[in-house]
Amino acid sequence: MNARRLLALAALVAAILFGGRLVASVYVDYRWFAALGDGPLSVWRARVTDLAALRLVLTLAGSAFLFANLYGVSTSVESLEMPRRLGDLEIREKVPGRQLLWFAGAVALVAGLGLSLFVDDWMAFDMVQFGRAFGVPEPYTGADLAFFVHWLPFENALYLWGVWLLLAAAAIVVLLYALTADLRWDAGRLRTTRHVRRHLTVLAACLLLVLAWGHRLDAYALLSAGSGQNDAFVYVDHRIAMRSRFVLAALTAIGALLVLHAAWQGQGRLTLWVITAVLGLTVVLRGIVPVVGARLVGGAEIARRDVPYLRNRAVVTQTAYGVNRIQRATGYGLASADSAGLAIPLWDPAVLARGIERARRGEMVSDDIGWQPIGGHLAAVAVTRPAAPPDGEPLSWDVALASASLADAAGDPILLDSLGRATPNGVLGEGSGRERRLVVRPQATGHLIINDTTGRVLADPIASFGARLAHAWDERDFRLLFTDALDRLESPVIVRHRDVRERLTEIAPFFSQGHALTPAFARDTVYWLCHLYAASPSFPLSQRYAVGRAAWSYFQHAAIAVVNGESGAVTIVADPSPDRLTETWVRRFPLLFSAPSALPPSLVAALPPPTDGVLLQASAMSQYGTRGDMIPTPVHLPGGDGVDSTLGLAPRALALLPTTTAGERALGWTLPLLDAGDRVSGVLVALGGPSPATLWVPNGRAGPRWGEVVERLRAVGPPTADASEGAGRDVARARIRALPIGDGLAYVQPLYVVHGGGQAAAAGVAALVRDTARAAPSIGEALGGDAPRAAIAPTTPRAAAATSAERVRTLYDAMRAALRRGDWAAFGAAFDSLGAALGRPLR
């Protein structure tokens, strides 16, 4: 076999391996999305269709451009001879011109396909096709706001692709000409033929066209990143810089046409002069003219002319972050101190997690603390796992429920059952003692193969040889194909994208995820809750705020995602009053979104408020105010919240607050805002539930200064004299909760006593109500209520015994079922859980 055939065989094998893995990847993705339902599958189809169409067009366009350049190179080559050997005789064989063209076409096609793979923003392409107009024009260009949100991101992606295409073509052309005698370095000079000069001049004209395109995009970019304070778009940007860039784009495009004309006429000197002039104009119009223009107008005059631009920026920023959606709620609040006693959190998440770990020895809280109403009271939800799991992932998980507002006599959390009753061992109750395995959870890695005999898990079945081959090829792990462990399973399925955030990114990539990822417990099932936001970095004129690692100029609540940790199902509930960007995606993928009625009622009640969006609303309010007279005076965020650094920067605790509908309550969160004198002007109340809302509750009377609130609460010690006595004990203070109660605001700060080793226990509550600061064992008593501290009914001994017996029976049934199907891992997990239920922990 000669070298040519070996090369062809190697290329064929490489194509089969690459193409096979590509097909396997697409097929595996299809099966994964199909297992999740029609909604996620519609997103997969849109992604595949859009990427295929977009890359096909770009491949054809890029290949045509590259082939034209390669054809231009081939016309300068009179002949190409390839050496061949016949025995001891060397023969130089002339390559036919048609074969050269076929080779050039193949190279252009491969290079064009490779360059098209760099464009992967299918969502921008989809938005161009299906995005709805905002119906509001941008005041300085007249373009609809949708032009900046939908079209500009796509055009920027095309621009980058064009730059890479031009650079690739130029590199290939120069390299090929350098291999011939048409472009060489001779006697200290670069010598070229007329053909080469024409070709390079045409590429220079294309470069000027790309530069003109870039100047146009930079002119629009000024609307989002101007030269004013905090990147504000101001007078100089509008009247001088933007106009200069549009003029520069037009002049550069004219220069490109002149260069093309010069190439056709063979006037190299004209080409040089045109390129020099364009570069000079770029420096003058982009660097010198804006500076000189600003100096000629004068600082005072520019400040006067900037006023309407800053006013427009304030209005647009309020729109971009939903400040206009905030409702004024005068007279809103908890009815009395007694009603607040079991609705306000006593525990900060980090302290509560350590307390649960003390109560549930041998287990550790794996993720953030969730909050939800149980039995009419505020409760906390923690997902636990064995503290020292065996190698690999824990096989069993558990859920701990605790009162969020109360502590026992020792300052430890009060564990609850699933009905909200106090229970000494944290047993959830009847029907909740089964083996619990989380197939989807935060920070889960790799795939998971399980025996899904009940068909509950939404995953890809891999019993067939074809499915196993596809997964093995996609994962590049052929142990999936030949392992005997799969053959022993009755209904093997493979769970992919097990991390909660990764799964949401696959299903709803067009939304930005909130920072909080909290657990919830409903119908004996663990769920993960994550708010989703419609965000854009190219929304014009508004202030940019950083959220995580990204900076956005548009950020509004879009939906909340509910992920079933035990089945992998994802339910996305859209905001009942969606913004225009969210509305576009809801209309595009209607099967992806569900109504709140699709969730269990107890889970609907556990939906938290969108705190990320509310923080940005508060920042926008502080910086740009509100429309109308909702807040007559400027406000700003407090400089601190009174928390001790020893408690860390854990997520904030939520409260159970009334909604605007009489008699209804939802999870909520409050944020105090201060006036110019640092007095508490009122609080922002973020409400969750099926209809999230943000309320502004003004202070009913002249509020104290925030620094005074912090100092007066800090001056109040624990309610018992010996609470902080003893070696190694210190008092730590939680975040201050500012809450509307009655006709004013009350300030509550839980106190903890810190023992050796960093363990903390509840030591009471400090409260500032009107002008009186005091401490008490519970929140209700600190607020002046009559509610006793132990307001949660304990489980009776008979009920506890019944619950314990039911748990033992359930675990025994799980062991029998695992034994019948030969699932020894499940049998061992149920056996260990049975031992823990009987008070026989692992040794």
Foldseek 3Di string as FASTA:
>chain_A
DDPVVVVVVVVVVVCCLVVLLVVLVLVQVQLLQVLQHDQLNLVSVLLVVLLVVQLVVQLVVLLVVLLVLQVLLLVVDPWDWDWDDDPPDIDTHIDDPVVSSVVSSVVSNVVSSVLSVVDRPSVLVVCVVQADFQPDADVQPRHTLSCQFRVLVVVVSVLVSLVVSLVVSVVVNVVSCDVDPQWDQDPNDTHHDLSSLLSVLLSVLSVLLSVLVVLLSVLLCLLQAPDDVLRFNFDLSRPALSVLSNVLSVLSNVLSVQSNVCSVVSPPVSSVVSVVVSVVSCCCRNPPGSVVVDVVCDDVNRVVRRVVSVLVQLVVLCVQLVLVQAAADEQFFAAFLVSQQQFDFLDWFLQQQLLVCVLAPQKHFDDTKFWFDALNGIKIKTKIAGPDADPDDGAFIAIWIFRRFAADPVQGTFTAARRQFGDRNRHNFFPQLAGAGFQAEAPDDDKDKDQCPPPQASFRWDPDLVSQVSVCSNVVNCCSNVPCVSVLGPTIGMGPLRHPVSVCCSSPVQWDKAPDWYWDADPSFIKIKIWTWHFGQRRGRYRWDDHPNDITRGIYTFWMWIATRRHRHIATATAPDHRSRSVSVCVSSVVRHDAPVVDPPSVLQRFAFRVVSVVSSQVSCQVSNHPDVSPVAHKHFDPDFLFDCLSPDGDGDWGWGADPDPPDTHTKAWGFIAGPVQFGQFIWIWGTGNHTHIYTYGFLDTGDHPVVVSVLQVVEDFPDPCLQDDPQKDKTKHGWGWGDYRNGTKIKIWIWIAHPPRNIGTRWMWMQDPHDIYTDRGSSVNSPHDDDSPPRHHDDPVSNVVRLVSSLVNLVVQLVVCVVSVPVVSNVSSVQSNCVSVVNHDD
